[in-house]
Amino acid sequence: MDVKICTGAKCTLYGASGIIEQLEELQENLHEYPGIPADAVLNIEIIRCDRRCKEKKVSPLVFVDDVAFENAKVPELMEAILNGLEKEKA
């Protein structure tokens, strides 16, 4: 699974750094979660601003397998990631 986190100024101001920290911790402990396959991989990529936040209030912006999460919060991202990894196993 691929997660891309915008680190433009506005996204960073609105919490991208905290999201990165939490997702890196998830990445390190991924296989401790029940239902996550042993071969599951979580790739985290830091991306430049795609200017979407300049047009409307969406910061921070995170993509989980190319699905955009606007005004992203850690709990919703964790849920989407863990559910997605569990489904990959099926």
PDB file of N, CA and C in Angstrom:
ATOM      1  N   MET A   1       0.845  -1.161   0.000  1.00  0.00           N
ATOM      2  CA  MET A   1       0.000   0.000   0.000  1.00  0.00           C
ATOM      3  C   MET A   1       0.896   1.230   0.000  1.00  0.00           C
ATOM      4  N   ASP A   2       0.504   2.216  -0.771  1.00  0.00           N
ATOM      5  CA  ASP A   2       1.276   3.444  -0.895  1.00  0.00           C
ATOM      6  C   ASP A   2       0.533   4.607  -0.249  1.00  0.00           C
ATOM      7  N   VAL A   3       1.237   5.347   0.575  1.00  0.00           N
ATOM      8  CA  VAL A   3       0.688   6.537   1.213  1.00  0.00           C
ATOM      9  C   VAL A   3       1.586   7.704   0.847  1.00  0.00           C
ATOM     10  N   LYS A   4       0.976   8.760   0.324  1.00  0.00           N
ATOM     11  CA  LYS A   4       1.724   9.955  -0.068  1.00  0.00           C
ATOM     12  C   LYS A   4       1.207  11.118   0.769  1.00  0.00           C
ATOM     13  N   ILE A   5       2.143  11.829   1.383  1.00  0.00           N
ATOM     14  CA  ILE A   5       1.783  12.923   2.276  1.00  0.00           C
ATOM     15  C   ILE A   5       2.376  14.216   1.735  1.00  0.00           C
ATOM     16  N   CYS A   6       1.507  15.182   1.509  1.00  0.00           N
ATOM     17  CA  CYS A   6       1.956  16.485   1.031  1.00  0.00           C
ATOM     18  C   CYS A   6       2.664  17.210   2.173  1.00  0.00           C
ATOM     19  N   THR A   7       3.806  17.793   1.872  1.00  0.00           N
ATOM     20  CA  THR A   7       4.545  18.558   2.873  1.00  0.00           C
ATOM     21  C   THR A   7       4.748  20.005   2.433  1.00  0.00           C
ATOM     22  N   GLY A   8       3.801  20.484   1.640  1.00  0.00           N
ATOM     23  CA  GLY A   8       3.830  21.903   1.310  1.00  0.00           C
ATOM     24  C   GLY A   8       3.626  22.712   2.582  1.00  0.00           C
ATOM     25  N   ALA A   9       3.877  23.991   2.513  1.00  0.00           N
ATOM     26  CA  ALA A   9       3.821  24.840   3.705  1.00  0.00           C
ATOM     27  C   ALA A   9       2.474  24.758   4.422  1.00  0.00           C
ATOM     28  N   LYS A  10       1.408  24.827   3.676  1.00  0.00           N
ATOM     29  CA  LYS A  10       0.083  24.823   4.291  1.00  0.00           C
ATOM     30  C   LYS A  10      -0.233  23.468   4.919  1.00  0.00           C
ATOM     31  N   CYS A  11       0.086  22.390   4.236  1.00  0.00           N
ATOM     32  CA  CYS A  11      -0.171  21.058   4.787  1.00  0.00           C
ATOM     33  C   CYS A  11       0.672  20.814   6.032  1.00  0.00           C
ATOM     34  N   THR A  12       1.921  21.277   6.011  1.00  0.00           N
ATOM     35  CA  THR A  12       2.778  21.135   7.185  1.00  0.00           C
ATOM     36  C   THR A  12       2.216  21.943   8.353  1.00  0.00           C
ATOM     37  N   LEU A  13       1.765  23.143   8.085  1.00  0.00           N
ATOM     38  CA  LEU A  13       1.182  23.993   9.118  1.00  0.00           C
ATOM     39  C   LEU A  13      -0.033  23.325   9.768  1.00  0.00           C
ATOM     40  N   TYR A  14      -0.810  22.603   8.970  1.00  0.00           N
ATOM     41  CA  TYR A  14      -2.040  21.992   9.468  1.00  0.00           C
ATOM     42  C   TYR A  14      -1.871  20.536   9.905  1.00  0.00           C
ATOM     43  N   GLY A  15      -0.634  20.058  10.064  1.00  0.00           N
ATOM     44  CA  GLY A  15      -0.451  18.777  10.717  1.00  0.00           C
ATOM     45  C   GLY A  15       0.204  17.652   9.955  1.00  0.00           C
ATOM     46  N   ALA A  16       0.758  17.903   8.792  1.00  0.00           N
ATOM     47  CA  ALA A  16       1.387  16.821   8.018  1.00  0.00           C
ATOM     48  C   ALA A  16       2.530  16.163   8.784  1.00  0.00           C
ATOM     49  N   SER A  17       3.285  16.935   9.553  1.00  0.00           N
ATOM     50  CA  SER A  17       4.420  16.370  10.289  1.00  0.00           C
ATOM     51  C   SER A  17       3.963  15.334  11.311  1.00  0.00           C
ATOM     52  N   GLY A  18       2.885  15.626  12.014  1.00  0.00           N
ATOM     53  CA  GLY A  18       2.342  14.678  12.982  1.00  0.00           C
ATOM     54  C   GLY A  18       1.821  13.423  12.311  1.00  0.00           C
ATOM     55  N   ILE A  19       1.219  13.588  11.154  1.00  0.00           N
ATOM     56  CA  ILE A  19       0.727  12.439  10.395  1.00  0.00           C
ATOM     57  C   ILE A  19       1.896  11.563   9.966  1.00  0.00           C
ATOM     58  N   ILE A  20       2.954  12.177   9.501  1.00  0.00           N
ATOM     59  CA  ILE A  20       4.137  11.419   9.080  1.00  0.00           C
ATOM     60  C   ILE A  20       4.670  10.601  10.252  1.00  0.00           C
ATOM     61  N   GLU A  21       4.796  11.219  11.414  1.00  0.00           N
ATOM     62  CA  GLU A  21       5.303  10.510  12.597  1.00  0.00           C
ATOM     63  C   GLU A  21       4.438   9.307  12.943  1.00  0.00           C
ATOM     64  N   GLN A  22       3.132   9.493  12.954  1.00  0.00           N
ATOM     65  CA  GLN A  22       2.220   8.407  13.304  1.00  0.00           C
ATOM     66  C   GLN A  22       2.257   7.281  12.274  1.00  0.00           C
ATOM     67  N   LEU A  23       2.332   7.635  11.008  1.00  0.00           N
ATOM     68  CA  LEU A  23       2.358   6.604   9.971  1.00  0.00           C
ATOM     69  C   LEU A  23       3.697   5.867   9.944  1.00  0.00           C
ATOM     70  N   GLU A  24       4.778   6.551  10.270  1.00  0.00           N
ATOM     71  CA  GLU A  24       6.065   5.853  10.366  1.00  0.00           C
ATOM     72  C   GLU A  24       6.048   4.863  11.529  1.00  0.00           C
ATOM     73  N   GLU A  25       5.386   5.224  12.621  1.00  0.00           N
ATOM     74  CA  GLU A  25       5.251   4.294  13.742  1.00  0.00           C
ATOM     75  C   GLU A  25       4.402   3.089  13.331  1.00  0.00           C
ATOM     76  N   LEU A  26       3.314   3.346  12.597  1.00  0.00           N
ATOM     77  CA  LEU A  26       2.491   2.254  12.083  1.00  0.00           C
ATOM     78  C   LEU A  26       3.322   1.355  11.179  1.00  0.00           C
ATOM     79  N   GLN A  27       4.115   1.962  10.322  1.00  0.00           N
ATOM     80  CA  GLN A  27       4.969   1.207   9.391  1.00  0.00           C
ATOM     81  C   GLN A  27       5.912   0.272  10.152  1.00  0.00           C
ATOM     82  N   GLU A  28       6.490   0.762  11.225  1.00  0.00           N
ATOM     83  CA  GLU A  28       7.432  -0.032  12.018  1.00  0.00           C
ATOM     84  C   GLU A  28       6.741  -1.190  12.743  1.00  0.00           C
ATOM     85  N   ASN A  29       5.499  -0.995  13.160  1.00  0.00           N
ATOM     86  CA  ASN A  29       4.789  -1.987  13.971  1.00  0.00           C
ATOM     87  C   ASN A  29       3.642  -2.656  13.215  1.00  0.00           C
ATOM     88  N   LEU A  30       3.654  -2.557  11.922  1.00  0.00           N
ATOM     89  CA  LEU A  30       2.541  -3.004  11.087  1.00  0.00           C
ATOM     90  C   LEU A  30       2.110  -4.435  11.358  1.00  0.00           C
ATOM     91  N   HIS A  31       3.041  -5.324  11.526  1.00  0.00           N
ATOM     92  CA  HIS A  31       2.698  -6.738  11.632  1.00  0.00           C
ATOM     93  C   HIS A  31       2.267  -7.148  13.031  1.00  0.00           C
ATOM     94  N   GLU A  32       2.204  -6.197  13.942  1.00  0.00           N
ATOM     95  CA  GLU A  32       1.667  -6.467  15.273  1.00  0.00           C
ATOM     96  C   GLU A  32       0.148  -6.337  15.300  1.00  0.00           C
ATOM     97  N   TYR A  33      -0.428  -5.758  14.248  1.00  0.00           N
ATOM     98  CA  TYR A  33      -1.879  -5.581  14.178  1.00  0.00           C
ATOM     99  C   TYR A  33      -2.531  -6.873  13.687  1.00  0.00           C
ATOM    100  N   PRO A  34      -3.589  -7.316  14.375  1.00  0.00           N
ATOM    101  CA  PRO A  34      -4.263  -8.541  13.934  1.00  0.00           C
ATOM    102  C   PRO A  34      -4.882  -8.358  12.548  1.00  0.00           C
ATOM    103  N   GLY A  35      -4.814  -9.398  11.758  1.00  0.00           N
ATOM    104  CA  GLY A  35      -5.429  -9.378  10.437  1.00  0.00           C
ATOM    105  C   GLY A  35      -4.546  -8.833   9.328  1.00  0.00           C
ATOM    106  N   ILE A  36      -3.379  -8.334   9.682  1.00  0.00           N
ATOM    107  CA  ILE A  36      -2.475  -7.799   8.662  1.00  0.00           C
ATOM    108  C   ILE A  36      -1.575  -8.931   8.175  1.00  0.00           C
ATOM    109  N   PRO A  37      -1.582  -9.210   6.880  1.00  0.00           N
ATOM    110  CA  PRO A  37      -0.765 -10.306   6.338  1.00  0.00           C
ATOM    111  C   PRO A  37       0.729 -10.071   6.571  1.00  0.00           C
ATOM    112  N   ALA A  38       1.459 -11.152   6.699  1.00  0.00           N
ATOM    113  CA  ALA A  38       2.901 -11.076   6.955  1.00  0.00           C
ATOM    114  C   ALA A  38       3.654 -10.386   5.820  1.00  0.00           C
ATOM    115  N   ASP A  39       3.119 -10.464   4.602  1.00  0.00           N
ATOM    116  CA  ASP A  39       3.817  -9.858   3.467  1.00  0.00           C
ATOM    117  C   ASP A  39       3.332  -8.434   3.153  1.00  0.00           C
ATOM    118  N   ALA A  40       2.498  -7.882   4.025  1.00  0.00           N
ATOM    119  CA  ALA A  40       1.980  -6.528   3.802  1.00  0.00           C
ATOM    120  C   ALA A  40       3.108  -5.508   3.892  1.00  0.00           C
ATOM    121  N   VAL A  41       3.052  -4.520   3.004  1.00  0.00           N
ATOM    122  CA  VAL A  41       4.064  -3.472   2.966  1.00  0.00           C
ATOM    123  C   VAL A  41       3.357  -2.123   2.940  1.00  0.00           C
ATOM    124  N   LEU A  42       3.864  -1.214   3.749  1.00  0.00           N
ATOM    125  CA  LEU A  42       3.344   0.147   3.774  1.00  0.00           C
ATOM    126  C   LEU A  42       4.463   1.079   3.327  1.00  0.00           C
ATOM    127  N   ASN A  43       4.285   1.675   2.160  1.00  0.00           N
ATOM    128  CA  ASN A  43       5.261   2.621   1.625  1.00  0.00           C
ATOM    129  C   ASN A  43       4.776   4.035   1.920  1.00  0.00           C
ATOM    130  N   ILE A  44       5.641   4.832   2.520  1.00  0.00           N
ATOM    131  CA  ILE A  44       5.317   6.220   2.826  1.00  0.00           C
ATOM    132  C   ILE A  44       6.193   7.105   1.970  1.00  0.00           C
ATOM    133  N   GLU A  45       5.549   8.024   1.273  1.00  0.00           N
ATOM    134  CA  GLU A  45       6.278   8.935   0.392  1.00  0.00           C
ATOM    135  C   GLU A  45       5.893  10.368   0.723  1.00  0.00           C
ATOM    136  N   ILE A  46       6.884  11.201   0.829  1.00  0.00           N
ATOM    137  CA  ILE A  46       6.679  12.627   1.053  1.00  0.00           C
ATOM    138  C   ILE A  46       6.607  13.274  -0.326  1.00  0.00           C
ATOM    139  N   ILE A  47       5.539  14.032  -0.570  1.00  0.00           N
ATOM    140  CA  ILE A  47       5.384  14.658  -1.888  1.00  0.00           C
ATOM    141  C   ILE A  47       5.339  16.178  -1.754  1.00  0.00           C
ATOM    142  N   ARG A  48       5.629  16.816  -2.841  1.00  0.00           N
ATOM    143  CA  ARG A  48       5.536  18.271  -2.916  1.00  0.00           C
ATOM    144  C   ARG A  48       4.086  18.676  -3.095  1.00  0.00           C
ATOM    145  N   CYS A  49       3.832  19.900  -2.832  1.00  0.00           N
ATOM    146  CA  CYS A  49       2.480  20.460  -2.963  1.00  0.00           C
ATOM    147  C   CYS A  49       1.986  20.295  -4.406  1.00  0.00           C
ATOM    148  N   ASP A  50       0.758  19.788  -4.535  1.00  0.00           N
ATOM    149  CA  ASP A  50       0.174  19.692  -5.877  1.00  0.00           C
ATOM    150  C   ASP A  50      -0.770  20.873  -6.149  1.00  0.00           C
ATOM    151  N   ARG A  51      -0.712  21.847  -5.264  1.00  0.00           N
ATOM    152  CA  ARG A  51      -1.441  23.113  -5.366  1.00  0.00           C
ATOM    153  C   ARG A  51      -2.938  22.984  -5.111  1.00  0.00           C
ATOM    154  N   ARG A  52      -3.407  21.801  -4.793  1.00  0.00           N
ATOM    155  CA  ARG A  52      -4.831  21.624  -4.507  1.00  0.00           C
ATOM    156  C   ARG A  52      -5.247  22.455  -3.294  1.00  0.00           C
ATOM    157  N   CYS A  53      -4.372  22.554  -2.308  1.00  0.00           N
ATOM    158  CA  CYS A  53      -4.705  23.299  -1.098  1.00  0.00           C
ATOM    159  C   CYS A  53      -4.715  24.811  -1.343  1.00  0.00           C
ATOM    160  N   LYS A  54      -4.121  25.231  -2.421  1.00  0.00           N
ATOM    161  CA  LYS A  54      -4.141  26.658  -2.764  1.00  0.00           C
ATOM    162  C   LYS A  54      -5.523  27.059  -3.271  1.00  0.00           C
ATOM    163  N   GLU A  55      -6.240  26.094  -3.860  1.00  0.00           N
ATOM    164  CA  GLU A  55      -7.535  26.377  -4.460  1.00  0.00           C
ATOM    165  C   GLU A  55      -8.686  26.248  -3.473  1.00  0.00           C
ATOM    166  N   LYS A  56      -8.556  25.331  -2.505  1.00  0.00           N
ATOM    167  CA  LYS A  56      -9.591  25.173  -1.485  1.00  0.00           C
ATOM    168  C   LYS A  56      -8.950  24.662  -0.208  1.00  0.00           C
ATOM    169  N   LYS A  57      -9.675  24.709   0.880  1.00  0.00           N
ATOM    170  CA  LYS A  57      -9.134  24.351   2.193  1.00  0.00           C
ATOM    171  C   LYS A  57      -9.163  22.841   2.382  1.00  0.00           C
ATOM    172  N   VAL A  58      -8.046  22.189   2.066  1.00  0.00           N
ATOM    173  CA  VAL A  58      -7.977  20.723   2.152  1.00  0.00           C
ATOM    174  C   VAL A  58      -6.773  20.234   2.954  1.00  0.00           C
ATOM    175  N   SER A  59      -6.043  21.132   3.560  1.00  0.00           N
ATOM    176  CA  SER A  59      -4.799  20.764   4.240  1.00  0.00           C
ATOM    177  C   SER A  59      -5.068  20.118   5.596  1.00  0.00           C
ATOM    178  N   PRO A  60      -4.300  19.097   5.944  1.00  0.00           N
ATOM    179  CA  PRO A  60      -3.288  18.414   5.160  1.00  0.00           C
ATOM    180  C   PRO A  60      -3.911  17.428   4.169  1.00  0.00           C
ATOM    181  N   LEU A  61      -3.202  17.209   3.105  1.00  0.00           N
ATOM    182  CA  LEU A  61      -3.661  16.343   2.029  1.00  0.00           C
ATOM    183  C   LEU A  61      -2.803  15.078   1.999  1.00  0.00           C
ATOM    184  N   VAL A  62      -3.477  13.929   2.067  1.00  0.00           N
ATOM    185  CA  VAL A  62      -2.795  12.633   2.079  1.00  0.00           C
ATOM    186  C   VAL A  62      -3.485  11.730   1.064  1.00  0.00           C
ATOM    187  N   PHE A  63      -2.694  10.960   0.334  1.00  0.00           N
ATOM    188  CA  PHE A  63      -3.224   9.997  -0.621  1.00  0.00           C
ATOM    189  C   PHE A  63      -2.920   8.590  -0.125  1.00  0.00           C
ATOM    190  N   VAL A  64      -3.957   7.763  -0.029  1.00  0.00           N
ATOM    191  CA  VAL A  64      -3.796   6.356   0.340  1.00  0.00           C
ATOM    192  C   VAL A  64      -4.177   5.557  -0.895  1.00  0.00           C
ATOM    193  N   ASP A  65      -3.189   4.934  -1.525  1.00  0.00           N
ATOM    194  CA  ASP A  65      -3.401   4.236  -2.799  1.00  0.00           C
ATOM    195  C   ASP A  65      -4.200   5.108  -3.767  1.00  0.00           C
ATOM    196  N   ASP A  66      -3.759   6.339  -3.913  1.00  0.00           N
ATOM    197  CA  ASP A  66      -4.316   7.322  -4.845  1.00  0.00           C
ATOM    198  C   ASP A  66      -5.709   7.832  -4.490  1.00  0.00           C
ATOM    199  N   VAL A  67      -6.236   7.487  -3.318  1.00  0.00           N
ATOM    200  CA  VAL A  67      -7.486   8.068  -2.831  1.00  0.00           C
ATOM    201  C   VAL A  67      -7.104   9.258  -1.960  1.00  0.00           C
ATOM    202  N   ALA A  68      -7.621  10.441  -2.302  1.00  0.00           N
ATOM    203  CA  ALA A  68      -7.258  11.654  -1.578  1.00  0.00           C
ATOM    204  C   ALA A  68      -8.053  11.779  -0.283  1.00  0.00           C
ATOM    205  N   PHE A  69      -7.332  12.076   0.779  1.00  0.00           N
ATOM    206  CA  PHE A  69      -7.944  12.396   2.065  1.00  0.00           C
ATOM    207  C   PHE A  69      -7.658  13.866   2.322  1.00  0.00           C
ATOM    208  N   GLU A  70      -8.687  14.672   2.208  1.00  0.00           N
ATOM    209  CA  GLU A  70      -8.555  16.101   2.432  1.00  0.00           C
ATOM    210  C   GLU A  70      -8.800  16.385   3.912  1.00  0.00           C
ATOM    211  N   ASN A  71      -8.094  17.376   4.456  1.00  0.00           N
ATOM    212  CA  ASN A  71      -8.170  17.690   5.883  1.00  0.00           C
ATOM    213  C   ASN A  71      -7.938  16.422   6.693  1.00  0.00           C
ATOM    214  N   ALA A  72      -6.932  15.682   6.309  1.00  0.00           N
ATOM    215  CA  ALA A  72      -6.661  14.345   6.846  1.00  0.00           C
ATOM    216  C   ALA A  72      -6.399  14.370   8.349  1.00  0.00           C
ATOM    217  N   LYS A  73      -6.909  13.334   8.993  1.00  0.00           N
ATOM    218  CA  LYS A  73      -6.701  13.107  10.421  1.00  0.00           C
ATOM    219  C   LYS A  73      -6.145  11.701  10.593  1.00  0.00           C
ATOM    220  N   VAL A  74      -5.288  11.527  11.581  1.00  0.00           N
ATOM    221  CA  VAL A  74      -4.624  10.243  11.799  1.00  0.00           C
ATOM    222  C   VAL A  74      -5.623   9.093  11.960  1.00  0.00           C
ATOM    223  N   PRO A  75      -6.678   9.217  12.784  1.00  0.00           N
ATOM    224  CA  PRO A  75      -7.577   8.061  12.954  1.00  0.00           C
ATOM    225  C   PRO A  75      -8.195   7.563  11.646  1.00  0.00           C
ATOM    226  N   GLU A  76      -8.641   8.476  10.776  1.00  0.00           N
ATOM    227  CA  GLU A  76      -9.250   8.041   9.519  1.00  0.00           C
ATOM    228  C   GLU A  76      -8.217   7.416   8.583  1.00  0.00           C
ATOM    229  N   LEU A  77      -6.999   7.923   8.615  1.00  0.00           N
ATOM    230  CA  LEU A  77      -5.939   7.351   7.783  1.00  0.00           C
ATOM    231  C   LEU A  77      -5.572   5.954   8.258  1.00  0.00           C
ATOM    232  N   MET A  78      -5.430   5.795   9.575  1.00  0.00           N
ATOM    233  CA  MET A  78      -5.088   4.481  10.134  1.00  0.00           C
ATOM    234  C   MET A  78      -6.163   3.463   9.777  1.00  0.00           C
ATOM    235  N   GLU A  79      -7.411   3.858   9.904  1.00  0.00           N
ATOM    236  CA  GLU A  79      -8.512   2.953   9.587  1.00  0.00           C
ATOM    237  C   GLU A  79      -8.479   2.553   8.114  1.00  0.00           C
ATOM    238  N   ALA A  80      -8.295   3.533   7.234  1.00  0.00           N
ATOM    239  CA  ALA A  80      -8.248   3.243   5.797  1.00  0.00           C
ATOM    240  C   ALA A  80      -7.077   2.330   5.456  1.00  0.00           C
ATOM    241  N   ILE A  81      -5.932   2.579   6.058  1.00  0.00           N
ATOM    242  CA  ILE A  81      -4.738   1.776   5.766  1.00  0.00           C
ATOM    243  C   ILE A  81      -4.911   0.353   6.278  1.00  0.00           C
ATOM    244  N   LEU A  82      -5.299   0.204   7.537  1.00  0.00           N
ATOM    245  CA  LEU A  82      -5.445  -1.138   8.111  1.00  0.00           C
ATOM    246  C   LEU A  82      -6.538  -1.937   7.402  1.00  0.00           C
ATOM    247  N   ASN A  83      -7.666  -1.288   7.113  1.00  0.00           N
ATOM    248  CA  ASN A  83      -8.731  -1.984   6.378  1.00  0.00           C
ATOM    249  C   ASN A  83      -8.268  -2.377   4.985  1.00  0.00           C
ATOM    250  N   GLY A  84      -7.544  -1.498   4.333  1.00  0.00           N
ATOM    251  CA  GLY A  84      -7.038  -1.808   2.991  1.00  0.00           C
ATOM    252  C   GLY A  84      -6.048  -2.951   2.987  1.00  0.00           C
ATOM    253  N   LEU A  85      -5.177  -2.990   3.979  1.00  0.00           N
ATOM    254  CA  LEU A  85      -4.206  -4.086   4.058  1.00  0.00           C
ATOM    255  C   LEU A  85      -4.874  -5.398   4.383  1.00  0.00           C
ATOM    256  N   GLU A  86      -5.903  -5.370   5.224  1.00  0.00           N
ATOM    257  CA  GLU A  86      -6.641  -6.602   5.531  1.00  0.00           C
ATOM    258  C   GLU A  86      -7.338  -7.135   4.279  1.00  0.00           C
ATOM    259  N   LYS A  87      -7.888  -6.245   3.462  1.00  0.00           N
ATOM    260  CA  LYS A  87      -8.587  -6.650   2.240  1.00  0.00           C
ATOM    261  C   LYS A  87      -7.619  -7.223   1.202  1.00  0.00           C
ATOM    262  N   GLU A  88      -6.383  -6.708   1.190  1.00  0.00           N
ATOM    263  CA  GLU A  88      -5.385  -7.211   0.249  1.00  0.00           C
ATOM    264  C   GLU A  88      -5.138  -8.695   0.464  1.00  0.00           C
ATOM    265  N   LYS A  89      -5.281  -9.128   1.693  1.00  0.00           N
ATOM    266  CA  LYS A  89      -5.044 -10.527   2.033  1.00  0.00           C
ATOM    267  C   LYS A  89      -6.131 -11.423   1.470  1.00  0.00           C
ATOM    268  N   ALA A  90      -7.346 -10.910   1.366  1.00  0.00           N
ATOM    269  CA  ALA A  90      -8.483 -11.716   0.923  1.00  0.00           C
ATOM    270  C   ALA A  90      -8.435 -12.080  -0.539  1.00  0.00           C
TER     271      ALA A  90
END
